[in-house]
Amino acid sequence: MALSDHIKPEPNPPLTRERVILAREMYAEGFAVARIMAQCLMSLGTLYACLDGVPFGADGEQWPPLPRRRQTLHQKRRALKADAVSLANRLTRTAERQVRDIEMRLSARTIAPVDRERDVRMLAQLARTLRDLRLLGAADAAGAARKAQDEPKRDIAELRASVARKLEAIIAQRDNRQT
């Protein structure tokens, strides 16, 4: 197998002044970021560097930064829940997404045997992970059901009646002492 078969082409060609200008103009006109990246052959990070006015190359021009359409940096995100159920659910969703990706790659039939073998091993590991996560979820559910059975059932009306009887007994006892 020739060495050139293993060398992947550069994903995007080096930046030119024309592509930087085109990207900045398209962004200013309101084009979608994905469309700008496809048209100008640049990654997301490179696009935003162009929009921020970062000079490229030794003789690159300094451009004035363009205002962002929306502020995404330093925004507070909702904290992830740290309980076991939330963690298991997130891990399950992640594993299922990876399984779908691997299934798509395996169905392509154009991948190299080495890559296919790696994907099959990964799929087997993910299947074990999903099985363990489901067993963990079932164990948690069984533990919660057992805990619910162990706790005495309380009826609010019964509790009120019990408190009322005890108060009446205390009052009756006090009245008996005074007479």
C-alpha atoms as a PDB file:
ATOM      1  CA  MET A   1       0.000   0.000   0.000  1.00  0.00           C
ATOM      2  CA  ALA A   2       1.437   3.358  -0.978  1.00  0.00           C
ATOM      3  CA  LEU A   3       2.197   5.950   1.673  1.00  0.00           C
ATOM      4  CA  SER A   4       0.016   8.508  -0.108  1.00  0.00           C
ATOM      5  CA  ASP A   5      -3.054   6.359   0.699  1.00  0.00           C
ATOM      6  CA  HIS A   6      -2.485   7.000   4.412  1.00  0.00           C
ATOM      7  CA  ILE A   7      -1.875  10.740   4.200  1.00  0.00           C
ATOM      8  CA  LYS A   8      -5.097  12.627   4.530  1.00  0.00           C
ATOM      9  CA  PRO A   9      -5.442  15.862   2.564  1.00  0.00           C
ATOM     10  CA  GLU A  10      -5.430  19.166   4.392  1.00  0.00           C
ATOM     11  CA  PRO A  11      -9.038  19.801   5.405  1.00  0.00           C
ATOM     12  CA  ASN A  12      -9.015  23.454   4.405  1.00  0.00           C
ATOM     13  CA  PRO A  13      -6.519  25.251   2.179  1.00  0.00           C
ATOM     14  CA  PRO A  14      -4.434  28.110   3.593  1.00  0.00           C
ATOM     15  CA  LEU A  15      -6.314  31.370   4.048  1.00  0.00           C
ATOM     16  CA  THR A  16      -6.245  34.022   1.393  1.00  0.00           C
ATOM     17  CA  ARG A  17      -7.176  37.670   1.678  1.00  0.00           C
ATOM     18  CA  GLU A  18     -10.147  37.128  -0.650  1.00  0.00           C
ATOM     19  CA  ARG A  19     -11.588  34.294   1.480  1.00  0.00           C
ATOM     20  CA  VAL A  20     -11.233  36.350   4.670  1.00  0.00           C
ATOM     21  CA  ILE A  21     -13.015  39.309   3.042  1.00  0.00           C
ATOM     22  CA  LEU A  22     -15.760  37.035   1.675  1.00  0.00           C
ATOM     23  CA  ALA A  23     -16.299  35.405   5.082  1.00  0.00           C
ATOM     24  CA  ARG A  24     -16.525  38.781   6.828  1.00  0.00           C
ATOM     25  CA  GLU A  25     -18.954  40.128   4.211  1.00  0.00           C
ATOM     26  CA  MET A  26     -21.173  37.041   4.377  1.00  0.00           C
ATOM     27  CA  TYR A  27     -21.270  37.218   8.187  1.00  0.00           C
ATOM     28  CA  ALA A  28     -22.146  40.919   8.093  1.00  0.00           C
ATOM     29  CA  GLU A  29     -24.953  40.182   5.605  1.00  0.00           C
ATOM     30  CA  GLY A  30     -26.428  37.564   7.949  1.00  0.00           C
ATOM     31  CA  PHE A  31     -25.526  34.274   6.250  1.00  0.00           C
ATOM     32  CA  ALA A  32     -25.589  31.164   8.423  1.00  0.00           C
ATOM     33  CA  VAL A  33     -22.240  30.305   9.967  1.00  0.00           C
ATOM     34  CA  ALA A  34     -22.327  26.775   8.495  1.00  0.00           C
ATOM     35  CA  ARG A  35     -22.879  28.196   5.016  1.00  0.00           C
ATOM     36  CA  ILE A  36     -19.999  30.663   5.421  1.00  0.00           C
ATOM     37  CA  MET A  37     -17.690  27.865   6.558  1.00  0.00           C
ATOM     38  CA  ALA A  38     -18.634  25.722   3.552  1.00  0.00           C
ATOM     39  CA  GLN A  39     -18.354  28.557   1.040  1.00  0.00           C
ATOM     40  CA  CYS A  40     -15.062  29.927   2.363  1.00  0.00           C
ATOM     41  CA  LEU A  41     -13.511  26.535   3.216  1.00  0.00           C
ATOM     42  CA  MET A  42     -12.676  27.318   6.831  1.00  0.00           C
ATOM     43  CA  SER A  43     -13.292  25.843  10.246  1.00  0.00           C
ATOM     44  CA  LEU A  44     -15.435  27.443  12.922  1.00  0.00           C
ATOM     45  CA  GLY A  45     -12.421  28.609  14.925  1.00  0.00           C
ATOM     46  CA  THR A  46     -10.800  30.119  11.836  1.00  0.00           C
ATOM     47  CA  LEU A  47     -14.035  31.886  10.891  1.00  0.00           C
ATOM     48  CA  TYR A  48     -14.381  33.493  14.308  1.00  0.00           C
ATOM     49  CA  ALA A  49     -10.692  34.434  14.275  1.00  0.00           C
ATOM     50  CA  CYS A  50     -11.338  36.203  10.939  1.00  0.00           C
ATOM     51  CA  LEU A  51     -14.363  37.954  12.433  1.00  0.00           C
ATOM     52  CA  ASP A  52     -12.297  39.029  15.448  1.00  0.00           C
ATOM     53  CA  GLY A  53      -9.734  40.628  13.138  1.00  0.00           C
ATOM     54  CA  VAL A  54      -6.832  38.287  13.862  1.00  0.00           C
ATOM     55  CA  PRO A  55      -4.103  38.772  11.209  1.00  0.00           C
ATOM     56  CA  PHE A  56      -3.079  35.592   9.369  1.00  0.00           C
ATOM     57  CA  GLY A  57       0.450  34.991   8.192  1.00  0.00           C
ATOM     58  CA  ALA A  58       3.531  37.168   8.627  1.00  0.00           C
ATOM     59  CA  ASP A  59       2.155  39.962   6.445  1.00  0.00           C
ATOM     60  CA  GLY A  60      -1.512  39.544   7.405  1.00  0.00           C
ATOM     61  CA  GLU A  61      -3.701  42.611   7.706  1.00  0.00           C
ATOM     62  CA  GLN A  62      -5.269  43.705  10.971  1.00  0.00           C
ATOM     63  CA  TRP A  63      -9.038  43.886  10.458  1.00  0.00           C
ATOM     64  CA  PRO A  64     -11.488  45.652  12.751  1.00  0.00           C
ATOM     65  CA  PRO A  65     -13.449  43.068  14.743  1.00  0.00           C
ATOM     66  CA  LEU A  66     -17.054  42.493  13.705  1.00  0.00           C
ATOM     67  CA  PRO A  67     -19.693  42.404  16.447  1.00  0.00           C
ATOM     68  CA  ARG A  68     -21.014  38.924  17.200  1.00  0.00           C
ATOM     69  CA  ARG A  69     -24.639  38.190  16.438  1.00  0.00           C
ATOM     70  CA  ARG A  70     -25.153  36.741  19.879  1.00  0.00           C
ATOM     71  CA  GLN A  71     -23.032  36.492  22.964  1.00  0.00           C
ATOM     72  CA  THR A  72     -22.061  32.883  23.663  1.00  0.00           C
ATOM     73  CA  LEU A  73     -18.966  33.292  25.812  1.00  0.00           C
ATOM     74  CA  HIS A  74     -19.213  33.447  29.595  1.00  0.00           C
ATOM     75  CA  GLN A  75     -22.877  32.489  29.643  1.00  0.00           C
ATOM     76  CA  LYS A  76     -23.953  30.525  32.657  1.00  0.00           C
ATOM     77  CA  ARG A  77     -25.063  27.022  31.903  1.00  0.00           C
ATOM     78  CA  ARG A  78     -27.425  24.951  33.939  1.00  0.00           C
ATOM     79  CA  ALA A  79     -25.464  22.787  36.345  1.00  0.00           C
ATOM     80  CA  LEU A  80     -25.619  19.089  35.666  1.00  0.00           C
ATOM     81  CA  LYS A  81     -27.301  17.002  38.311  1.00  0.00           C
ATOM     82  CA  ALA A  82     -24.830  14.863  40.209  1.00  0.00           C
ATOM     83  CA  ASP A  83     -27.199  12.132  41.356  1.00  0.00           C
ATOM     84  CA  ALA A  84     -26.723   8.562  40.146  1.00  0.00           C
ATOM     85  CA  VAL A  85     -29.901   8.497  38.043  1.00  0.00           C
ATOM     86  CA  SER A  86     -28.974  11.632  36.062  1.00  0.00           C
ATOM     87  CA  LEU A  87     -25.430  10.381  35.535  1.00  0.00           C
ATOM     88  CA  ALA A  88     -26.685   6.994  34.341  1.00  0.00           C
ATOM     89  CA  ASN A  89     -29.163   8.679  31.962  1.00  0.00           C
ATOM     90  CA  ARG A  90     -26.456  10.928  30.477  1.00  0.00           C
ATOM     91  CA  LEU A  91     -24.093   7.975  30.044  1.00  0.00           C
ATOM     92  CA  THR A  92     -26.878   5.952  28.414  1.00  0.00           C
ATOM     93  CA  ARG A  93     -27.673   8.737  25.938  1.00  0.00           C
ATOM     94  CA  THR A  94     -23.973   9.145  25.105  1.00  0.00           C
ATOM     95  CA  ALA A  95     -23.475   5.407  24.586  1.00  0.00           C
ATOM     96  CA  GLU A  96     -26.587   5.155  22.399  1.00  0.00           C
ATOM     97  CA  ARG A  97     -25.374   8.077  20.269  1.00  0.00           C
ATOM     98  CA  GLN A  98     -21.987   6.379  19.826  1.00  0.00           C
ATOM     99  CA  VAL A  99     -23.698   3.113  18.885  1.00  0.00           C
ATOM    100  CA  ARG A 100     -25.688   4.928  16.182  1.00  0.00           C
ATOM    101  CA  ASP A 101     -22.495   6.529  14.829  1.00  0.00           C
ATOM    102  CA  ILE A 102     -20.683   3.190  14.713  1.00  0.00           C
ATOM    103  CA  GLU A 103     -23.649   1.491  13.039  1.00  0.00           C
ATOM    104  CA  MET A 104     -23.654   4.198  10.367  1.00  0.00           C
ATOM    105  CA  ARG A 105     -19.922   3.714   9.743  1.00  0.00           C
ATOM    106  CA  LEU A 106     -20.269  -0.071   9.615  1.00  0.00           C
ATOM    107  CA  SER A 107     -23.132   0.150   7.129  1.00  0.00           C
ATOM    108  CA  ALA A 108     -20.975   2.243   4.760  1.00  0.00           C
ATOM    109  CA  ARG A 109     -19.014  -0.869   3.681  1.00  0.00           C
ATOM    110  CA  THR A 110     -16.217   1.359   2.354  1.00  0.00           C
ATOM    111  CA  ILE A 111     -14.167   1.531   5.538  1.00  0.00           C
ATOM    112  CA  ALA A 112     -10.858  -0.272   5.889  1.00  0.00           C
ATOM    113  CA  PRO A 113     -10.831  -3.674   7.631  1.00  0.00           C
ATOM    114  CA  VAL A 114      -8.714  -2.252  10.468  1.00  0.00           C
ATOM    115  CA  ASP A 115     -11.273   0.493  11.084  1.00  0.00           C
ATOM    116  CA  ARG A 116     -14.141  -1.991  10.814  1.00  0.00           C
ATOM    117  CA  GLU A 117     -12.490  -4.251  13.420  1.00  0.00           C
ATOM    118  CA  ARG A 118     -11.953  -1.277  15.749  1.00  0.00           C
ATOM    119  CA  ASP A 119     -15.609  -0.268  15.356  1.00  0.00           C
ATOM    120  CA  VAL A 120     -16.806  -3.816  16.082  1.00  0.00           C
ATOM    121  CA  ARG A 121     -14.694  -3.947  19.271  1.00  0.00           C
ATOM    122  CA  MET A 122     -16.014  -0.530  20.296  1.00  0.00           C
ATOM    123  CA  LEU A 123     -19.584  -1.652  19.590  1.00  0.00           C
ATOM    124  CA  ALA A 124     -19.113  -4.717  21.814  1.00  0.00           C
ATOM    125  CA  GLN A 125     -17.730  -2.540  24.615  1.00  0.00           C
ATOM    126  CA  LEU A 126     -20.631  -0.097  24.273  1.00  0.00           C
ATOM    127  CA  ALA A 127     -23.121  -2.976  24.397  1.00  0.00           C
ATOM    128  CA  ARG A 128     -21.568  -4.131  27.690  1.00  0.00           C
ATOM    129  CA  THR A 129     -21.653  -0.561  28.997  1.00  0.00           C
ATOM    130  CA  LEU A 130     -25.332  -0.145  28.100  1.00  0.00           C
ATOM    131  CA  ARG A 131     -26.148  -3.493  29.734  1.00  0.00           C
ATOM    132  CA  ASP A 132     -24.336  -2.444  32.927  1.00  0.00           C
ATOM    133  CA  LEU A 133     -26.092   0.924  32.953  1.00  0.00           C
ATOM    134  CA  ARG A 134     -29.488  -0.726  32.584  1.00  0.00           C
ATOM    135  CA  LEU A 135     -28.648  -3.162  35.401  1.00  0.00           C
ATOM    136  CA  LEU A 136     -27.585  -0.213  37.544  1.00  0.00           C
ATOM    137  CA  GLY A 137     -30.880   1.546  36.785  1.00  0.00           C
ATOM    138  CA  ALA A 138     -32.846  -1.605  37.603  1.00  0.00           C
ATOM    139  CA  ALA A 139     -30.942  -2.018  40.876  1.00  0.00           C
ATOM    140  CA  ASP A 140     -31.664   1.613  41.793  1.00  0.00           C
ATOM    141  CA  ALA A 141     -35.363   1.142  41.008  1.00  0.00           C
ATOM    142  CA  ALA A 142     -35.496  -2.058  43.074  1.00  0.00           C
ATOM    143  CA  GLY A 143     -33.745  -0.296  45.956  1.00  0.00           C
ATOM    144  CA  ALA A 144     -36.216   2.589  45.824  1.00  0.00           C
ATOM    145  CA  ALA A 145     -39.168   0.168  45.770  1.00  0.00           C
ATOM    146  CA  ARG A 146     -37.717  -1.762  48.725  1.00  0.00           C
ATOM    147  CA  LYS A 147     -37.186   1.488  50.636  1.00  0.00           C
ATOM    148  CA  ALA A 148     -40.782   2.533  49.930  1.00  0.00           C
ATOM    149  CA  GLN A 149     -42.012  -0.824  51.254  1.00  0.00           C
ATOM    150  CA  ASP A 150     -39.875  -0.555  54.399  1.00  0.00           C
ATOM    151  CA  GLU A 151     -41.218   2.885  55.297  1.00  0.00           C
ATOM    152  CA  PRO A 152     -44.473   2.857  57.240  1.00  0.00           C
ATOM    153  CA  LYS A 153     -47.385   4.280  55.333  1.00  0.00           C
ATOM    154  CA  ARG A 154     -48.678   7.426  56.983  1.00  0.00           C
ATOM    155  CA  ASP A 155     -52.155   8.696  56.594  1.00  0.00           C
ATOM    156  CA  ILE A 156     -52.533  12.373  57.514  1.00  0.00           C
ATOM    157  CA  ALA A 157     -56.008  11.854  58.986  1.00  0.00           C
ATOM    158  CA  GLU A 158     -54.727   9.013  61.162  1.00  0.00           C
ATOM    159  CA  LEU A 159     -51.821  11.191  62.312  1.00  0.00           C
ATOM    160  CA  ARG A 160     -54.176  14.055  63.251  1.00  0.00           C
ATOM    161  CA  ALA A 161     -56.463  11.681  65.173  1.00  0.00           C
ATOM    162  CA  SER A 162     -53.483  10.246  67.048  1.00  0.00           C
ATOM    163  CA  VAL A 163     -52.224  13.717  68.017  1.00  0.00           C
ATOM    164  CA  ALA A 164     -55.730  14.731  69.112  1.00  0.00           C
ATOM    165  CA  ARG A 165     -56.056  11.601  71.328  1.00  0.00           C
ATOM    166  CA  LYS A 166     -52.689  12.284  72.942  1.00  0.00           C
ATOM    167  CA  LEU A 167     -53.555  15.931  73.609  1.00  0.00           C
ATOM    168  CA  GLU A 168     -56.905  14.941  75.129  1.00  0.00           C
ATOM    169  CA  ALA A 169     -55.124  12.397  77.347  1.00  0.00           C
ATOM    170  CA  ILE A 170     -52.645  15.049  78.528  1.00  0.00           C
ATOM    171  CA  ILE A 171     -55.460  17.512  79.275  1.00  0.00           C
ATOM    172  CA  ALA A 172     -57.482  14.835  81.108  1.00  0.00           C
ATOM    173  CA  GLN A 173     -54.428  13.881  83.153  1.00  0.00           C
ATOM    174  CA  ARG A 174     -53.841  17.525  84.124  1.00  0.00           C
ATOM    175  CA  ASP A 175     -57.514  17.938  85.092  1.00  0.00           C
ATOM    176  CA  ASN A 176     -57.359  14.798  87.284  1.00  0.00           C
ATOM    177  CA  ARG A 177     -54.330  16.184  89.160  1.00  0.00           C
ATOM    178  CA  GLN A 178     -56.010  19.515  89.844  1.00  0.00           C
ATOM    179  CA  THR A 179     -59.148  17.956  91.330  1.00  0.00           C
END
